[in-house]
């Protein structure tokens, strides 16, 4: 029994180590690393915002307090010939997350542009959100957030960024 358990644990560990992340898959299809790749934990974000006495920074700090991690990756797509494969990969990821209980909050698919915002939603909280924006021949931006964001607080500061979230929150 111990031998079976050890074999199972080792095989699961090996699978986890070899499983490609979504960013790794995108990098493979694009054929280059992201031009911008930012990985921030909440403690780093709060440290940066703590040095500002600006009201907007304090409001943003309040909104971000429930996040554990933010990752932003930006790929240049100027000469990318794998746009169709990249589009299928993104759609597959969105479908996979939807099957795991995530909701597509925003979906925009036009001729040469697509936008997805997908997250788990509980009451007025977003949990583990992903934002994907791709414009063919320009760039692909992937923002993933682990943790919880209060939509009501986000809506309160969204007008500072020319975004109106009040319809989504239900004010």
N, C-alpha and C. Protein backbone atom coordinates (compact mmCIF):
# COMPACT_ATOMS: atom_id res chain seq x y z
N UNK A 1 0.82 -1.20 0.00
CA UNK A 1 0.00 0.00 0.00
C UNK A 1 0.87 1.27 0.00
N UNK A 2 1.95 1.25 0.83
CA UNK A 2 2.84 2.41 0.88
C UNK A 2 3.48 2.65 -0.47
N UNK A 3 3.84 1.57 -1.15
CA UNK A 3 4.49 1.69 -2.46
C UNK A 3 3.53 2.33 -3.46
N UNK A 4 2.28 1.92 -3.44
CA UNK A 4 1.27 2.49 -4.34
C UNK A 4 1.06 3.98 -4.03
N UNK A 5 1.01 4.32 -2.75
CA UNK A 5 0.82 5.71 -2.35
C UNK A 5 2.00 6.58 -2.78
N UNK A 6 3.22 6.08 -2.57
CA UNK A 6 4.42 6.82 -2.98
C UNK A 6 4.44 7.01 -4.49
N UNK A 7 4.11 5.96 -5.24
CA UNK A 7 4.07 6.05 -6.70
C UNK A 7 3.03 7.07 -7.15
N UNK A 8 1.86 7.06 -6.53
CA UNK A 8 0.82 8.02 -6.87
C UNK A 8 1.26 9.45 -6.58
N UNK A 9 1.86 9.69 -5.42
CA UNK A 9 2.33 11.03 -5.06
C UNK A 9 3.41 11.49 -6.03
N UNK A 10 4.36 10.61 -6.36
CA UNK A 10 5.42 10.98 -7.30
C UNK A 10 4.86 11.29 -8.68
N UNK A 11 3.90 10.51 -9.14
CA UNK A 11 3.35 10.77 -10.47
C UNK A 11 2.54 12.06 -10.49
N UNK A 12 1.81 12.35 -9.42
CA UNK A 12 1.08 13.61 -9.35
C UNK A 12 2.05 14.79 -9.29
N UNK A 13 3.15 14.65 -8.55
CA UNK A 13 4.16 15.71 -8.48
C UNK A 13 4.78 15.94 -9.84
N UNK A 14 5.08 14.87 -10.54
CA UNK A 14 5.68 14.98 -11.87
C UNK A 14 4.71 15.67 -12.83
N UNK A 15 3.44 15.32 -12.74
CA UNK A 15 2.43 15.95 -13.60
C UNK A 15 2.32 17.44 -13.30
N UNK A 16 2.31 17.81 -12.03
CA UNK A 16 2.21 19.22 -11.65
C UNK A 16 3.42 20.01 -12.14
N UNK A 17 4.60 19.42 -12.04
CA UNK A 17 5.81 20.10 -12.47
C UNK A 17 5.80 20.31 -13.98
N UNK A 18 5.29 19.34 -14.74
CA UNK A 18 5.32 19.40 -16.19
C UNK A 18 4.11 20.09 -16.80
N UNK A 19 3.11 20.38 -15.98
CA UNK A 19 1.93 21.06 -16.52
C UNK A 19 2.31 22.48 -16.93
N UNK A 20 1.98 22.84 -18.15
CA UNK A 20 2.29 24.18 -18.64
C UNK A 20 1.25 25.16 -18.15
N UNK A 21 1.72 26.31 -17.75
CA UNK A 21 0.79 27.36 -17.39
C UNK A 21 0.24 27.98 -18.68
N UNK A 22 -0.83 28.74 -18.55
CA UNK A 22 -1.42 29.40 -19.70
C UNK A 22 -0.42 30.35 -20.35
N UNK A 23 0.34 31.07 -19.54
CA UNK A 23 1.35 32.00 -20.06
C UNK A 23 2.42 31.22 -20.83
N UNK A 24 2.83 30.06 -20.32
CA UNK A 24 3.81 29.23 -21.04
C UNK A 24 3.26 28.80 -22.39
N UNK A 25 1.99 28.43 -22.42
CA UNK A 25 1.37 28.00 -23.68
C UNK A 25 1.30 29.16 -24.67
N UNK A 26 0.91 30.34 -24.19
CA UNK A 26 0.84 31.52 -25.06
C UNK A 26 2.23 31.85 -25.59
N UNK A 27 3.23 31.81 -24.73
CA UNK A 27 4.61 32.09 -25.13
C UNK A 27 5.04 31.13 -26.23
N UNK A 28 4.67 29.87 -26.11
CA UNK A 28 5.01 28.88 -27.11
C UNK A 28 4.36 29.19 -28.46
N UNK A 29 3.09 29.57 -28.44
CA UNK A 29 2.38 29.88 -29.69
C UNK A 29 2.91 31.17 -30.32
N UNK A 30 3.13 32.21 -29.49
CA UNK A 30 3.63 33.49 -30.00
C UNK A 30 5.06 33.34 -30.52
N UNK A 31 5.82 32.49 -29.85
CA UNK A 31 7.19 32.27 -30.29
C UNK A 31 8.20 33.20 -29.65
N UNK A 32 7.77 33.95 -28.63
CA UNK A 32 8.69 34.81 -27.89
C UNK A 32 8.12 35.08 -26.50
N UNK A 33 9.00 35.49 -25.62
CA UNK A 33 8.56 35.84 -24.27
C UNK A 33 7.78 37.15 -24.31
N UNK A 34 6.98 37.40 -23.26
CA UNK A 34 6.27 38.67 -23.21
C UNK A 34 7.25 39.84 -23.14
N UNK A 35 6.88 40.96 -23.79
CA UNK A 35 7.71 42.16 -23.71
C UNK A 35 7.58 42.80 -22.34
N UNK A 36 6.43 42.61 -21.71
CA UNK A 36 6.21 43.08 -20.34
C UNK A 36 5.70 41.88 -19.55
N UNK A 37 6.31 41.66 -18.40
CA UNK A 37 5.87 40.57 -17.54
C UNK A 37 6.03 41.03 -16.10
N UNK A 38 4.91 41.29 -15.44
CA UNK A 38 4.91 41.83 -14.08
C UNK A 38 4.21 40.82 -13.18
N UNK A 39 4.88 40.44 -12.12
CA UNK A 39 4.31 39.55 -11.11
C UNK A 39 4.39 40.25 -9.76
N UNK A 40 3.25 40.59 -9.20
CA UNK A 40 3.23 41.31 -7.93
C UNK A 40 2.37 40.59 -6.92
N UNK A 41 2.91 40.47 -5.72
CA UNK A 41 2.09 39.99 -4.62
C UNK A 41 1.42 41.22 -3.99
N UNK A 42 0.40 40.99 -3.23
CA UNK A 42 -0.33 42.09 -2.61
C UNK A 42 0.58 42.90 -1.69
N UNK A 43 1.50 42.22 -1.00
CA UNK A 43 2.39 42.96 -0.10
C UNK A 43 3.26 43.95 -0.87
N UNK A 44 3.70 43.61 -2.06
CA UNK A 44 4.48 44.53 -2.87
C UNK A 44 3.61 45.70 -3.33
N UNK A 45 2.41 45.40 -3.76
CA UNK A 45 1.48 46.46 -4.21
C UNK A 45 1.19 47.41 -3.06
N UNK A 46 0.89 46.87 -1.90
CA UNK A 46 0.59 47.71 -0.75
C UNK A 46 1.81 48.54 -0.33
N UNK A 47 2.99 47.97 -0.44
CA UNK A 47 4.21 48.72 -0.11
C UNK A 47 4.38 49.90 -1.06
N UNK A 48 4.17 49.67 -2.34
CA UNK A 48 4.28 50.75 -3.33
C UNK A 48 3.24 51.84 -3.04
N UNK A 49 2.00 51.42 -2.80
CA UNK A 49 0.93 52.38 -2.56
C UNK A 49 1.08 53.09 -1.22
N UNK A 50 1.76 52.45 -0.27
CA UNK A 50 1.94 53.06 1.06
C UNK A 50 2.79 54.32 1.01
N UNK A 51 3.63 54.43 0.01
CA UNK A 51 4.50 55.60 -0.11
C UNK A 51 3.80 56.78 -0.76
N UNK A 52 2.55 56.59 -1.14
CA UNK A 52 1.80 57.68 -1.76
C UNK A 52 0.73 58.15 -0.79
N UNK A 53 0.62 59.46 -0.65
CA UNK A 53 -0.46 59.99 0.17
C UNK A 53 -1.62 60.47 -0.70
N UNK A 54 -1.59 60.09 -1.96
CA UNK A 54 -2.62 60.43 -2.92
C UNK A 54 -3.91 59.68 -2.57
N UNK A 55 -5.05 60.36 -2.65
CA UNK A 55 -6.33 59.73 -2.35
C UNK A 55 -6.63 58.57 -3.28
N UNK A 56 -6.33 58.71 -4.58
CA UNK A 56 -6.58 57.62 -5.53
C UNK A 56 -5.78 56.38 -5.16
N UNK A 57 -4.53 56.56 -4.74
CA UNK A 57 -3.70 55.42 -4.33
C UNK A 57 -4.29 54.73 -3.10
N UNK A 58 -4.78 55.53 -2.16
CA UNK A 58 -5.40 54.96 -0.97
C UNK A 58 -6.69 54.19 -1.32
N UNK A 59 -7.49 54.75 -2.24
CA UNK A 59 -8.70 54.06 -2.68
C UNK A 59 -8.35 52.75 -3.38
N UNK A 60 -7.33 52.80 -4.23
CA UNK A 60 -6.90 51.60 -4.94
C UNK A 60 -6.37 50.56 -3.96
N UNK A 61 -5.66 50.99 -2.95
CA UNK A 61 -5.16 50.09 -1.92
C UNK A 61 -6.30 49.35 -1.24
N UNK A 62 -7.41 50.07 -0.98
CA UNK A 62 -8.59 49.47 -0.36
C UNK A 62 -9.18 48.39 -1.26
N UNK A 63 -9.23 48.66 -2.55
CA UNK A 63 -9.79 47.70 -3.50
C UNK A 63 -8.89 46.46 -3.61
N UNK A 64 -7.59 46.67 -3.60
CA UNK A 64 -6.64 45.58 -3.82
C UNK A 64 -6.35 44.75 -2.58
N UNK A 65 -6.88 45.14 -1.42
CA UNK A 65 -6.50 44.46 -0.18
C UNK A 65 -6.86 42.97 -0.18
N UNK A 66 -7.82 42.55 -0.97
CA UNK A 66 -8.20 41.13 -1.00
C UNK A 66 -7.43 40.31 -2.01
N UNK A 67 -6.54 40.94 -2.77
CA UNK A 67 -5.79 40.20 -3.79
C UNK A 67 -4.52 39.58 -3.22
N UNK A 68 -4.21 38.38 -3.70
CA UNK A 68 -2.99 37.70 -3.30
C UNK A 68 -1.88 37.88 -4.33
N UNK A 69 -2.28 38.03 -5.60
CA UNK A 69 -1.27 38.11 -6.66
C UNK A 69 -1.89 38.74 -7.91
N UNK A 70 -1.10 39.54 -8.60
CA UNK A 70 -1.49 40.09 -9.91
C UNK A 70 -0.35 39.78 -10.87
N UNK A 71 -0.72 39.28 -12.04
CA UNK A 71 0.28 39.03 -13.08
C UNK A 71 -0.20 39.70 -14.36
N UNK A 72 0.69 40.49 -14.95
CA UNK A 72 0.39 41.17 -16.22
C UNK A 72 1.45 40.74 -17.23
N UNK A 73 1.00 40.22 -18.36
CA UNK A 73 1.90 39.82 -19.44
C UNK A 73 1.42 40.48 -20.73
N UNK A 74 2.36 41.11 -21.44
CA UNK A 74 2.03 41.80 -22.68
C UNK A 74 2.94 41.25 -23.79
N UNK A 75 2.31 40.79 -24.86
CA UNK A 75 3.03 40.25 -26.02
C UNK A 75 2.81 41.16 -27.21
N UNK A 76 3.87 41.44 -27.94
CA UNK A 76 3.75 42.15 -29.22
C UNK A 76 3.38 41.12 -30.28
N UNK A 77 2.39 41.43 -31.11
CA UNK A 77 1.91 40.50 -32.13
C UNK A 77 2.13 41.02 -33.54
N UNK A 78 3.02 41.99 -33.72
CA UNK A 78 3.22 42.62 -35.03
C UNK A 78 3.40 41.62 -36.17
N UNK A 79 4.29 40.68 -36.01
CA UNK A 79 4.60 39.75 -37.10
C UNK A 79 4.17 38.33 -36.80
N UNK A 80 3.24 38.17 -35.89
CA UNK A 80 2.85 36.83 -35.48
C UNK A 80 1.93 36.19 -36.51
N UNK A 81 2.35 35.05 -36.98
CA UNK A 81 1.56 34.33 -37.98
C UNK A 81 0.68 33.25 -37.35
N UNK A 82 0.72 33.14 -36.03
CA UNK A 82 -0.04 32.12 -35.32
C UNK A 82 -1.31 32.68 -34.68
N UNK A 83 -1.86 33.73 -35.24
CA UNK A 83 -3.02 34.38 -34.64
C UNK A 83 -4.19 33.42 -34.49
N UNK A 84 -4.43 32.60 -35.49
CA UNK A 84 -5.56 31.67 -35.43
C UNK A 84 -5.34 30.64 -34.31
N UNK A 85 -4.13 30.13 -34.19
CA UNK A 85 -3.82 29.16 -33.13
C UNK A 85 -3.92 29.84 -31.76
N UNK A 86 -3.47 31.08 -31.67
CA UNK A 86 -3.54 31.83 -30.43
C UNK A 86 -5.00 32.09 -30.03
N UNK A 87 -5.82 32.44 -31.00
CA UNK A 87 -7.25 32.66 -30.75
C UNK A 87 -7.89 31.38 -30.21
N UNK A 88 -7.57 30.24 -30.80
CA UNK A 88 -8.12 28.95 -30.33
C UNK A 88 -7.65 28.64 -28.92
N UNK A 89 -6.37 28.93 -28.62
CA UNK A 89 -5.84 28.68 -27.28
C UNK A 89 -6.57 29.54 -26.24
N UNK A 90 -6.77 30.79 -26.54
CA UNK A 90 -7.47 31.70 -25.61
C UNK A 90 -8.90 31.23 -25.41
N UNK A 91 -9.59 30.91 -26.49
CA UNK A 91 -10.98 30.43 -26.39
C UNK A 91 -11.05 29.14 -25.58
N UNK A 92 -10.07 28.26 -25.78
CA UNK A 92 -10.01 27.01 -25.02
C UNK A 92 -9.83 27.28 -23.53
N UNK A 93 -8.97 28.23 -23.18
CA UNK A 93 -8.76 28.59 -21.77
C UNK A 93 -10.03 29.16 -21.16
N UNK A 94 -10.71 30.04 -21.89
CA UNK A 94 -11.96 30.62 -21.41
C UNK A 94 -13.01 29.52 -21.21
N UNK A 95 -13.12 28.59 -22.16
CA UNK A 95 -14.06 27.48 -22.04
C UNK A 95 -13.73 26.60 -20.84
N UNK A 96 -12.42 26.35 -20.63
CA UNK A 96 -11.97 25.54 -19.50
C UNK A 96 -12.34 26.20 -18.17
N UNK A 97 -12.09 27.51 -18.07
CA UNK A 97 -12.44 28.22 -16.85
C UNK A 97 -13.96 28.26 -16.64
N UNK A 98 -14.71 28.42 -17.72
CA UNK A 98 -16.18 28.41 -17.63
C UNK A 98 -16.67 27.07 -17.10
N UNK A 99 -16.05 26.00 -17.55
CA UNK A 99 -16.43 24.66 -17.09
C UNK A 99 -16.10 24.47 -15.60
N UNK A 100 -15.17 25.27 -15.08
CA UNK A 100 -14.78 25.18 -13.67
C UNK A 100 -15.54 26.16 -12.79
N UNK A 101 -16.62 26.77 -13.32
CA UNK A 101 -17.47 27.63 -12.51
C UNK A 101 -17.20 29.12 -12.65
N UNK A 102 -16.30 29.49 -13.55
CA UNK A 102 -16.05 30.91 -13.79
C UNK A 102 -17.14 31.46 -14.71
N UNK A 103 -17.42 32.75 -14.59
CA UNK A 103 -18.41 33.39 -15.45
C UNK A 103 -17.73 34.37 -16.39
N UNK A 104 -18.21 34.39 -17.62
CA UNK A 104 -17.71 35.37 -18.58
C UNK A 104 -18.46 36.67 -18.34
N UNK A 105 -17.77 37.64 -17.78
CA UNK A 105 -18.39 38.91 -17.44
C UNK A 105 -18.46 39.79 -18.68
N UNK A 106 -17.39 39.80 -19.46
CA UNK A 106 -17.33 40.57 -20.69
C UNK A 106 -16.78 39.68 -21.78
N UNK A 107 -17.45 39.69 -22.92
CA UNK A 107 -16.96 38.98 -24.10
C UNK A 107 -17.17 39.90 -25.30
N UNK A 108 -16.08 40.26 -25.96
CA UNK A 108 -16.13 41.06 -27.17
C UNK A 108 -15.31 40.34 -28.22
N UNK A 109 -15.95 39.99 -29.33
CA UNK A 109 -15.22 39.36 -30.43
C UNK A 109 -15.59 40.07 -31.71
N UNK A 110 -14.63 40.84 -32.19
CA UNK A 110 -14.80 41.56 -33.44
C UNK A 110 -13.82 41.00 -34.44
N UNK A 111 -13.81 41.57 -35.62
CA UNK A 111 -12.97 41.06 -36.71
C UNK A 111 -11.52 40.85 -36.28
N UNK A 112 -10.88 41.86 -35.70
CA UNK A 112 -9.47 41.75 -35.36
C UNK A 112 -9.19 42.05 -33.88
N UNK A 113 -10.22 41.92 -33.04
CA UNK A 113 -10.04 42.19 -31.63
C UNK A 113 -10.93 41.29 -30.80
N UNK A 114 -10.41 40.86 -29.65
CA UNK A 114 -11.26 40.12 -28.71
C UNK A 114 -10.87 40.49 -27.29
N UNK A 115 -11.90 40.50 -26.44
CA UNK A 115 -11.73 40.84 -25.04
C UNK A 115 -12.54 39.84 -24.22
N UNK A 116 -11.90 39.30 -23.20
CA UNK A 116 -12.60 38.43 -22.25
C UNK A 116 -12.28 38.91 -20.85
N UNK A 117 -13.30 39.01 -20.03
CA UNK A 117 -13.11 39.17 -18.59
C UNK A 117 -13.89 38.03 -17.97
N UNK A 118 -13.18 37.20 -17.25
CA UNK A 118 -13.78 35.99 -16.69
C UNK A 118 -13.35 35.86 -15.23
N UNK A 119 -14.30 35.48 -14.37
CA UNK A 119 -14.00 35.37 -12.95
C UNK A 119 -15.07 34.53 -12.26
N UNK A 120 -14.74 34.10 -11.09
CA UNK A 120 -15.76 33.53 -10.22
C UNK A 120 -16.44 34.72 -9.56
N UNK A 121 -17.77 34.66 -9.47
CA UNK A 121 -18.52 35.76 -8.86
C UNK A 121 -19.31 35.22 -7.68
N UNK A 122 -19.11 35.87 -6.55
CA UNK A 122 -19.88 35.54 -5.35
C UNK A 122 -20.39 36.84 -4.78
N UNK A 123 -21.71 37.00 -4.77
CA UNK A 123 -22.35 38.26 -4.36
C UNK A 123 -21.77 39.40 -5.19
N UNK A 124 -21.15 40.38 -4.56
CA UNK A 124 -20.57 41.49 -5.32
C UNK A 124 -19.03 41.41 -5.30
N UNK A 125 -18.51 40.17 -5.25
CA UNK A 125 -17.07 39.97 -5.24
C UNK A 125 -16.63 39.19 -6.48
N UNK A 126 -15.53 39.63 -7.05
CA UNK A 126 -14.86 38.87 -8.10
C UNK A 126 -13.75 38.07 -7.44
N UNK A 127 -13.65 36.81 -7.83
CA UNK A 127 -12.61 35.96 -7.26
C UNK A 127 -11.80 35.36 -8.40
N UNK A 128 -10.50 35.46 -8.33
CA UNK A 128 -9.60 34.87 -9.32
C UNK A 128 -9.99 35.26 -10.75
N UNK A 129 -9.86 36.52 -11.06
CA UNK A 129 -10.27 37.07 -12.36
C UNK A 129 -9.14 36.97 -13.38
N UNK A 130 -9.52 36.87 -14.66
CA UNK A 130 -8.57 36.92 -15.76
C UNK A 130 -9.13 37.85 -16.83
N UNK A 131 -8.28 38.73 -17.32
CA UNK A 131 -8.64 39.65 -18.39
C UNK A 131 -7.71 39.37 -19.55
N UNK A 132 -8.28 39.13 -20.72
CA UNK A 132 -7.49 38.87 -21.93
C UNK A 132 -7.96 39.83 -23.01
N UNK A 133 -7.02 40.61 -23.54
CA UNK A 133 -7.32 41.55 -24.62
C UNK A 133 -6.33 41.29 -25.74
N UNK A 134 -6.84 40.95 -26.92
CA UNK A 134 -5.97 40.70 -28.06
C UNK A 134 -6.43 41.51 -29.26
N UNK A 135 -5.51 42.24 -29.82
CA UNK A 135 -5.76 42.96 -31.06
C UNK A 135 -4.75 42.45 -32.08
N UNK A 136 -5.27 41.77 -33.13
CA UNK A 136 -4.40 41.19 -34.14
C UNK A 136 -3.46 42.24 -34.71
N UNK A 137 -2.22 41.83 -34.91
CA UNK A 137 -1.23 42.72 -35.48
C UNK A 137 -0.74 43.78 -34.53
N UNK A 138 -1.20 43.75 -33.27
CA UNK A 138 -0.79 44.76 -32.30
C UNK A 138 -0.22 44.08 -31.06
N UNK A 139 -1.11 43.72 -30.12
CA UNK A 139 -0.61 43.11 -28.90
C UNK A 139 -1.66 42.24 -28.23
N UNK A 140 -1.17 41.42 -27.32
CA UNK A 140 -2.00 40.58 -26.46
C UNK A 140 -1.64 40.94 -25.03
N UNK A 141 -2.67 41.25 -24.23
CA UNK A 141 -2.48 41.57 -22.82
C UNK A 141 -3.26 40.55 -22.00
N UNK A 142 -2.58 39.93 -21.05
CA UNK A 142 -3.22 38.97 -20.15
C UNK A 142 -2.98 39.46 -18.72
N UNK A 143 -4.07 39.68 -18.00
CA UNK A 143 -3.98 40.09 -16.60
C UNK A 143 -4.70 39.02 -15.79
N UNK A 144 -3.98 38.42 -14.86
CA UNK A 144 -4.63 37.44 -13.99
C UNK A 144 -4.48 37.92 -12.55
N UNK A 145 -5.56 37.78 -11.81
CA UNK A 145 -5.61 38.22 -10.42
C UNK A 145 -6.09 37.06 -9.56
N UNK A 146 -5.31 36.74 -8.55
CA UNK A 146 -5.69 35.72 -7.59
C UNK A 146 -6.13 36.41 -6.32
N UNK A 147 -7.27 36.03 -5.82
CA UNK A 147 -7.81 36.65 -4.61
C UNK A 147 -9.18 37.22 -4.89
N UNK A 148 -9.60 38.15 -4.06
CA UNK A 148 -10.96 38.68 -4.11
C UNK A 148 -10.93 40.19 -4.30
N UNK A 149 -11.80 40.68 -5.20
CA UNK A 149 -11.97 42.11 -5.42
C UNK A 149 -13.43 42.44 -5.18
N UNK A 150 -13.67 43.45 -4.37
CA UNK A 150 -15.03 43.91 -4.09
C UNK A 150 -15.47 44.82 -5.23
N UNK A 151 -16.46 44.38 -6.00
CA UNK A 151 -16.93 45.15 -7.16
C UNK A 151 -17.49 46.50 -6.77
N UNK A 152 -18.13 46.59 -5.62
CA UNK A 152 -18.68 47.88 -5.20
C UNK A 152 -17.57 48.89 -4.96
N UNK A 153 -16.49 48.46 -4.32
CA UNK A 153 -15.36 49.37 -4.09
C UNK A 153 -14.69 49.72 -5.42
N UNK A 154 -14.57 48.72 -6.30
CA UNK A 154 -13.96 48.96 -7.60
C UNK A 154 -14.79 49.95 -8.41
N UNK A 155 -16.12 49.81 -8.34
CA UNK A 155 -17.01 50.73 -9.06
C UNK A 155 -16.86 52.16 -8.53
N UNK A 156 -16.62 52.31 -7.24
CA UNK A 156 -16.47 53.64 -6.65
C UNK A 156 -15.24 54.38 -7.20
N UNK A 157 -14.18 53.64 -7.51
CA UNK A 157 -12.98 54.31 -8.01
C UNK A 157 -12.84 54.21 -9.53
N UNK A 158 -13.73 53.45 -10.17
CA UNK A 158 -13.58 53.20 -11.62
C UNK A 158 -13.71 54.47 -12.45
N UNK A 159 -14.48 55.45 -11.99
CA UNK A 159 -14.63 56.66 -12.78
C UNK A 159 -13.32 57.46 -12.86
N UNK A 160 -12.39 57.21 -11.95
CA UNK A 160 -11.06 57.84 -12.04
C UNK A 160 -10.29 57.33 -13.25
N UNK A 161 -10.69 56.14 -13.73
CA UNK A 161 -9.99 55.50 -14.83
C UNK A 161 -10.83 55.48 -16.10
N UNK A 162 -11.88 56.30 -16.18
CA UNK A 162 -12.80 56.35 -17.32
C UNK A 162 -13.47 55.01 -17.60
N UNK A 163 -13.85 54.29 -16.55
CA UNK A 163 -14.56 53.03 -16.68
C UNK A 163 -15.78 53.11 -15.78
N UNK A 164 -16.94 52.73 -16.30
CA UNK A 164 -18.17 52.76 -15.52
C UNK A 164 -18.59 51.33 -15.21
N UNK A 165 -18.43 50.92 -13.94
CA UNK A 165 -18.81 49.57 -13.52
C UNK A 165 -20.12 49.55 -12.77
N UNK A 166 -20.78 50.68 -12.65
CA UNK A 166 -22.00 50.73 -11.84
C UNK A 166 -23.10 49.83 -12.37
N UNK A 167 -23.20 49.65 -13.69
CA UNK A 167 -24.22 48.76 -14.25
C UNK A 167 -23.95 47.30 -13.88
N UNK A 168 -22.67 46.93 -13.82
CA UNK A 168 -22.32 45.55 -13.46
C UNK A 168 -22.61 45.29 -12.00
N UNK A 169 -22.30 46.25 -11.14
CA UNK A 169 -22.49 46.10 -9.71
C UNK A 169 -23.96 46.21 -9.34
N UNK A 170 -24.74 47.00 -10.09
CA UNK A 170 -26.16 47.11 -9.82
C UNK A 170 -26.54 48.27 -8.94
N UNK A 171 -25.76 49.37 -9.02
CA UNK A 171 -26.12 50.57 -8.24
C UNK A 171 -27.32 51.25 -8.85
